[in-house]
Amino acid sequence: MLPVQLGLPLDPQQYIPPLVSAVVTVVLFVVAFVAIYLLGKYFMTRAVRGSLQHRDFDDTLIDLAVSTTVVVTAVVAVALAATIAGAGVVLSAFAVLAGALALAVGFAAQDLIANFVAGVFIIQDEPFTVGDWIEWDGNGGVVREVQLRVTKLDTFDNQLVTVPNSDLASAAVINNVANERRRVSVGFGIGYEDDIEQARDAIIDEGSRIDGVLSDPAPAAPVTSLGDSAVVLDGRIWIDPDESGYGAVRAQFVEGVKERFDAEGIDMPYPNTELSGEIEVTNVGSTEGITGD
């Protein structure tokens, strides 16, 4: 029952010490938090940014590291301020709750975390950059944007492909434009009766005429195989992938050699199979006695 109902005198003075204690605790917590947070943020962010810039890290990773540092500083400031203000019990309960939430989120977001970590390594290691033509697991495209979770690419049919970074980080990625020179190889088959040197000269000459083809290494056309119906010469020319498109150069190469072979009478035989021996046809049945209704 209330003191008034019991007939006891109400003394306001008895509530002043607990109230003063609570106010002091709150003020002490706020002052300690603001001081620790501002000082920690100022010094820690400058240290992290300067250290990563000195090591030539990507700006995206630097900004991410700085943002993470600010969050960590705030959490540490809360913990230290609560300790200074004497709220250790509250801090312990908060720590237990935060640990349980972190564990639950970790299990629920495994794929997200894996893609995020893979994105960090892709941005830092730079196996490819924006504008590169890459291939992986039978797929390919030109990189449009590299994000921390996914990589966006444009296919040659002008389709947008969004790929999780973990898929690219775990696959064998071919970067077709990473080096200064790239070879364009096309196999040309000629008849067994045709002159190999004549065909080789035609292939090399047509390859040399294409704009963007390098003179060093020089175009070549070695015999690479003897097929069932053709002698195969591998036409090889080199280009600078930053200056010339692989697909366009290859198409010109194929068309030019085909027209040159036609003009010089060099055969490009179709695959064929020759059968030898005899075929005997036997009448296995007689039509006598067969009547229709």
Protein backbone atom coordinates (compact mmCIF):
# COMPACT_ATOMS: atom_id res chain seq x y z
CA MET A 1 0.00 0.00 0.00
CA LEU A 2 1.11 3.58 -0.59
CA PRO A 3 2.59 5.57 2.30
CA VAL A 4 -0.37 8.02 2.11
CA GLN A 5 -2.86 5.17 2.40
CA LEU A 6 -0.93 3.85 5.38
CA GLY A 7 -0.97 7.21 6.97
CA LEU A 8 2.82 7.60 6.77
CA PRO A 9 4.34 10.98 5.98
CA LEU A 10 5.64 11.39 2.39
CA ASP A 11 9.27 12.55 2.41
CA PRO A 12 10.47 13.82 -1.02
CA GLN A 13 14.02 13.83 0.20
CA GLN A 14 14.21 10.06 0.03
CA TYR A 15 13.89 10.13 -3.78
CA ILE A 16 16.56 12.74 -4.36
CA PRO A 17 19.69 10.53 -3.93
CA PRO A 18 18.54 7.84 -6.41
CA LEU A 19 17.48 10.52 -8.89
CA VAL A 20 20.78 12.36 -8.55
CA SER A 21 22.66 9.09 -8.95
CA ALA A 22 20.74 8.26 -12.14
CA VAL A 23 21.31 11.73 -13.58
CA VAL A 24 25.01 11.59 -12.76
CA THR A 25 25.27 8.16 -14.39
CA VAL A 26 23.55 9.33 -17.57
CA VAL A 27 25.60 12.52 -17.79
CA LEU A 28 28.82 10.65 -17.12
CA PHE A 29 27.92 8.09 -19.79
CA VAL A 30 27.10 10.77 -22.39
CA VAL A 31 30.23 12.81 -21.70
CA ALA A 32 32.47 9.74 -21.73
CA PHE A 33 30.86 8.40 -24.92
CA VAL A 34 31.16 11.70 -26.81
CA ALA A 35 34.77 12.22 -25.75
CA ILE A 36 35.89 8.65 -26.52
CA TYR A 37 33.94 8.47 -29.79
CA LEU A 38 35.15 11.78 -31.20
CA LEU A 39 38.78 11.24 -30.25
CA GLY A 40 38.76 7.62 -31.37
CA LYS A 41 37.06 8.44 -34.67
CA TYR A 42 39.50 11.27 -35.42
CA PHE A 43 42.67 9.32 -34.76
CA MET A 44 41.57 5.84 -35.91
CA THR A 45 40.07 6.91 -39.24
CA ARG A 46 43.14 9.00 -40.08
CA ALA A 47 45.42 6.08 -39.19
CA VAL A 48 43.40 3.54 -41.21
CA ARG A 49 43.03 5.79 -44.27
CA GLY A 50 46.70 6.79 -44.28
CA SER A 51 47.91 3.22 -43.84
CA LEU A 52 45.78 1.85 -46.69
CA GLN A 53 46.58 4.72 -49.04
CA HIS A 54 50.28 4.18 -48.35
CA ARG A 55 49.83 0.57 -49.51
CA ASP A 56 47.94 1.65 -52.67
CA PHE A 57 44.65 -0.01 -51.77
CA ASP A 58 41.59 0.65 -53.91
CA ASP A 59 39.49 3.69 -52.90
CA THR A 60 36.41 1.49 -52.51
CA LEU A 61 38.17 -0.70 -49.95
CA ILE A 62 39.59 2.35 -48.18
CA ASP A 63 36.12 3.88 -47.79
CA LEU A 64 34.76 0.54 -46.57
CA ALA A 65 37.57 0.20 -44.02
CA VAL A 66 37.02 3.75 -42.76
CA SER A 67 33.26 3.18 -42.40
CA THR A 68 33.89 -0.07 -40.52
CA THR A 69 36.36 1.73 -38.25
CA VAL A 70 33.74 4.35 -37.38
CA VAL A 71 31.24 1.64 -36.41
CA VAL A 72 33.80 -0.25 -34.33
CA THR A 73 34.82 3.00 -32.62
CA ALA A 74 31.21 3.72 -31.71
CA VAL A 75 30.75 0.23 -30.22
CA VAL A 76 33.97 0.52 -28.21
CA ALA A 77 32.96 4.00 -27.04
CA VAL A 78 29.63 2.66 -25.77
CA ALA A 79 31.38 -0.14 -23.89
CA LEU A 80 33.99 2.12 -22.29
CA ALA A 81 31.45 4.84 -21.46
CA ALA A 82 29.14 2.29 -19.80
CA THR A 83 32.06 0.96 -17.77
CA ILE A 84 33.10 4.46 -16.66
CA ALA A 85 29.50 5.32 -15.74
CA GLY A 86 29.16 2.14 -13.68
CA ALA A 87 26.60 0.38 -15.90
CA GLY A 88 28.46 -2.90 -16.04
CA VAL A 89 25.37 -5.08 -15.64
CA VAL A 90 23.66 -3.41 -18.57
CA LEU A 91 26.80 -3.74 -20.63
CA SER A 92 27.06 -7.47 -19.90
CA ALA A 93 23.47 -8.07 -20.94
CA PHE A 94 24.01 -6.04 -24.09
CA ALA A 95 27.12 -8.06 -24.94
CA VAL A 96 25.28 -11.37 -24.56
CA LEU A 97 22.41 -10.15 -26.75
CA ALA A 98 24.79 -8.78 -29.38
CA GLY A 99 26.71 -12.06 -29.49
CA ALA A 100 23.54 -14.07 -30.02
CA LEU A 101 22.37 -11.72 -32.79
CA ALA A 102 25.77 -11.84 -34.50
CA LEU A 103 25.72 -15.66 -34.47
CA ALA A 104 22.20 -15.80 -35.93
CA VAL A 105 23.00 -13.25 -38.62
CA GLY A 106 26.21 -15.08 -39.48
CA PHE A 107 24.40 -18.35 -40.17
CA ALA A 108 21.64 -16.64 -42.14
CA ALA A 109 23.98 -14.59 -44.32
CA GLN A 110 26.74 -17.06 -45.21
CA ASP A 111 26.34 -16.53 -48.97
CA LEU A 112 26.21 -12.76 -48.55
CA ILE A 113 29.37 -12.78 -46.46
CA ALA A 114 31.14 -15.08 -48.95
CA ASN A 115 30.26 -12.76 -51.85
CA PHE A 116 31.35 -9.73 -49.83
CA VAL A 117 34.75 -11.25 -48.98
CA ALA A 118 35.22 -12.36 -52.59
CA GLY A 119 34.39 -8.83 -53.75
CA VAL A 120 37.08 -7.40 -51.49
CA PHE A 121 39.70 -9.73 -52.99
CA ILE A 122 38.55 -9.03 -56.57
CA ILE A 123 38.75 -5.27 -56.05
CA GLN A 124 42.15 -5.51 -54.39
CA ASP A 125 43.82 -8.20 -56.57
CA GLU A 126 42.27 -6.89 -59.83
CA PRO A 127 42.15 -10.10 -61.91
CA PHE A 128 39.94 -7.96 -64.15
CA THR A 129 38.74 -4.36 -64.23
CA VAL A 130 35.90 -2.42 -65.79
CA GLY A 131 35.98 -2.79 -69.59
CA ASP A 132 37.79 -6.16 -69.63
CA TRP A 133 36.42 -9.08 -71.65
CA ILE A 134 36.44 -12.13 -69.40
CA GLU A 135 35.29 -15.76 -69.68
CA TRP A 136 34.47 -18.25 -66.90
CA ASP A 137 32.70 -21.62 -66.76
CA GLY A 138 31.54 -21.34 -70.37
CA ASN A 139 30.22 -17.80 -69.91
CA GLY A 140 31.67 -14.50 -71.03
CA GLY A 141 31.12 -10.77 -71.19
CA VAL A 142 32.57 -7.30 -70.79
CA VAL A 143 32.82 -6.06 -67.21
CA ARG A 144 30.52 -3.10 -66.59
CA GLU A 145 30.84 -2.69 -62.81
CA VAL A 146 32.57 -4.45 -59.92
CA GLN A 147 30.68 -4.15 -56.63
CA LEU A 148 31.42 -5.63 -53.24
CA ARG A 149 28.70 -8.29 -53.61
CA VAL A 150 28.26 -8.84 -57.37
CA THR A 151 29.94 -8.10 -60.69
CA LYS A 152 27.85 -6.82 -63.62
CA LEU A 153 28.79 -7.71 -67.19
CA ASP A 154 27.43 -7.01 -70.68
CA THR A 155 27.29 -9.94 -73.10
CA PHE A 156 27.98 -9.50 -76.81
CA ASP A 157 24.21 -9.76 -77.35
CA ASN A 158 23.88 -6.66 -75.12
CA GLN A 159 22.41 -8.59 -72.19
CA LEU A 160 23.20 -7.65 -68.61
CA VAL A 161 24.60 -10.49 -66.49
CA THR A 162 24.89 -10.15 -62.71
CA VAL A 163 27.30 -12.68 -61.21
CA PRO A 164 27.90 -13.28 -57.46
CA ASN A 165 31.51 -12.48 -56.67
CA SER A 166 32.03 -15.85 -54.95
CA ASP A 167 31.37 -17.59 -58.30
CA LEU A 168 34.08 -15.55 -60.02
CA ALA A 169 36.50 -15.91 -57.12
CA SER A 170 36.25 -19.72 -57.18
CA ALA A 171 36.30 -20.14 -60.98
CA ALA A 172 39.14 -20.09 -63.49
CA VAL A 173 38.63 -16.65 -65.08
CA ILE A 174 40.16 -15.93 -68.50
CA ASN A 175 40.94 -12.27 -69.07
CA ASN A 176 41.16 -11.88 -72.84
CA VAL A 177 42.53 -8.33 -72.79
CA ALA A 178 44.91 -8.42 -69.83
CA ASN A 179 48.08 -8.66 -71.95
CA GLU A 180 49.41 -6.26 -74.55
CA ARG A 181 49.21 -8.83 -77.36
CA ARG A 182 46.77 -11.60 -78.19
CA ARG A 183 46.90 -14.26 -80.88
CA VAL A 184 44.02 -14.89 -83.27
CA SER A 185 44.12 -18.48 -84.54
CA VAL A 186 41.95 -19.95 -87.30
CA GLY A 187 42.28 -23.43 -88.79
CA PHE A 188 42.07 -23.59 -92.62
CA GLY A 189 41.70 -26.97 -94.32
CA ILE A 190 43.01 -27.56 -97.87
CA GLY A 191 42.88 -30.58 -100.12
CA TYR A 192 45.63 -33.18 -100.06
CA GLU A 193 46.38 -32.38 -103.70
CA ASP A 194 46.81 -28.63 -103.05
CA ASP A 195 50.15 -26.86 -102.63
CA ILE A 196 50.84 -26.24 -98.93
CA GLU A 197 53.28 -23.38 -99.57
CA GLN A 198 50.82 -21.62 -101.85
CA ALA A 199 48.11 -21.90 -99.21
CA ARG A 200 50.48 -20.75 -96.46
CA ASP A 201 51.53 -17.67 -98.48
CA ALA A 202 47.88 -16.80 -99.10
CA ILE A 203 46.98 -17.08 -95.41
CA ILE A 204 49.94 -15.00 -94.26
CA ASP A 205 49.37 -12.34 -96.91
CA GLU A 206 45.67 -11.97 -96.11
CA GLY A 207 46.39 -11.81 -92.41
CA SER A 208 48.99 -9.08 -92.92
CA ARG A 209 46.51 -6.92 -94.84
CA ILE A 210 44.08 -6.60 -91.91
CA ASP A 211 44.20 -3.30 -90.02
CA GLY A 212 45.46 -3.72 -86.48
CA VAL A 213 47.46 -6.91 -87.10
CA LEU A 214 50.94 -6.65 -85.60
CA SER A 215 54.08 -7.27 -87.60
CA ASP A 216 55.88 -8.63 -84.54
CA PRO A 217 55.18 -11.47 -83.97
CA ALA A 218 54.77 -12.00 -87.70
CA PRO A 219 51.73 -13.87 -89.08
CA ALA A 220 52.29 -17.61 -89.53
CA ALA A 221 50.47 -20.65 -90.88
CA PRO A 222 52.03 -23.95 -89.78
CA VAL A 223 50.49 -27.31 -90.62
CA THR A 224 48.91 -28.54 -87.39
CA SER A 225 47.07 -31.71 -88.40
CA LEU A 226 46.22 -34.11 -91.20
CA GLY A 227 42.48 -34.55 -91.13
CA ASP A 228 40.31 -37.22 -92.76
CA SER A 229 39.67 -35.01 -95.76
CA ALA A 230 41.97 -31.99 -95.41
CA VAL A 231 45.43 -30.76 -94.49
CA VAL A 232 44.87 -28.18 -91.73
CA LEU A 233 46.98 -25.03 -91.56
CA ASP A 234 46.61 -22.91 -88.42
CA GLY A 235 46.54 -19.26 -89.47
CA ARG A 236 48.03 -17.17 -86.65
CA ILE A 237 48.03 -13.39 -86.38
CA TRP A 238 48.61 -11.11 -83.39
CA ILE A 239 46.70 -8.02 -82.29
CA ASP A 240 46.71 -5.45 -79.50
CA PRO A 241 43.39 -6.17 -77.72
CA ASP A 242 43.16 -2.56 -76.53
CA GLU A 243 43.29 -1.30 -80.11
CA SER A 244 41.57 -4.03 -82.17
CA GLY A 245 38.53 -6.18 -81.51
CA TYR A 246 39.18 -9.92 -81.51
CA GLY A 247 35.87 -10.86 -83.11
CA ALA A 248 36.09 -8.29 -85.90
CA VAL A 249 39.66 -9.21 -86.81
CA ARG A 250 38.90 -12.93 -86.81
CA ALA A 251 35.89 -12.42 -89.09
CA GLN A 252 37.97 -10.41 -91.58
CA PHE A 253 40.69 -13.06 -91.47
CA VAL A 254 38.31 -15.92 -92.25
CA GLU A 255 36.54 -14.05 -95.04
CA GLY A 256 39.76 -12.81 -96.62
CA VAL A 257 41.38 -16.25 -96.73
CA LYS A 258 38.23 -17.87 -98.10
CA GLU A 259 38.02 -15.38 -100.97
CA ARG A 260 41.76 -15.75 -101.64
CA PHE A 261 41.51 -19.54 -101.78
CA ASP A 262 38.61 -19.28 -104.21
CA ALA A 263 40.56 -16.86 -106.42
CA GLU A 264 43.66 -19.12 -106.51
CA GLY A 265 41.74 -22.36 -106.93
CA ILE A 266 42.77 -23.80 -103.57
CA ASP A 267 40.24 -26.37 -102.44
CA MET A 268 38.62 -26.24 -99.00
CA PRO A 269 37.10 -29.73 -98.97
CA TYR A 270 34.04 -30.78 -97.05
CA PRO A 271 34.43 -33.74 -94.70
CA ASN A 272 33.73 -36.92 -96.68
CA THR A 273 33.97 -40.67 -96.23
CA GLU A 274 35.01 -43.10 -98.95
CA LEU A 275 33.54 -46.61 -98.90
CA SER A 276 35.18 -49.50 -100.74
CA GLY A 277 34.02 -53.04 -101.41
CA GLU A 278 30.92 -54.62 -102.90
CA ILE A 279 27.22 -54.32 -102.09
CA GLU A 280 24.96 -57.30 -102.80
CA VAL A 281 21.23 -56.78 -103.05
CA THR A 282 19.07 -59.83 -102.36
CA ASN A 283 15.33 -60.14 -102.92
CA VAL A 284 14.23 -61.45 -99.53
CA GLY A 285 10.55 -61.88 -100.34
CA SER A 286 8.10 -62.44 -103.16
CA THR A 287 5.03 -60.39 -103.89
CA GLU A 288 3.14 -63.41 -105.39
CA GLY A 289 0.03 -64.38 -103.56
CA ILE A 290 -0.43 -60.90 -102.07
CA THR A 291 -3.90 -59.65 -102.74
CA GLY A 292 -5.75 -56.60 -101.65
CA ASP A 293 -9.33 -56.27 -100.60
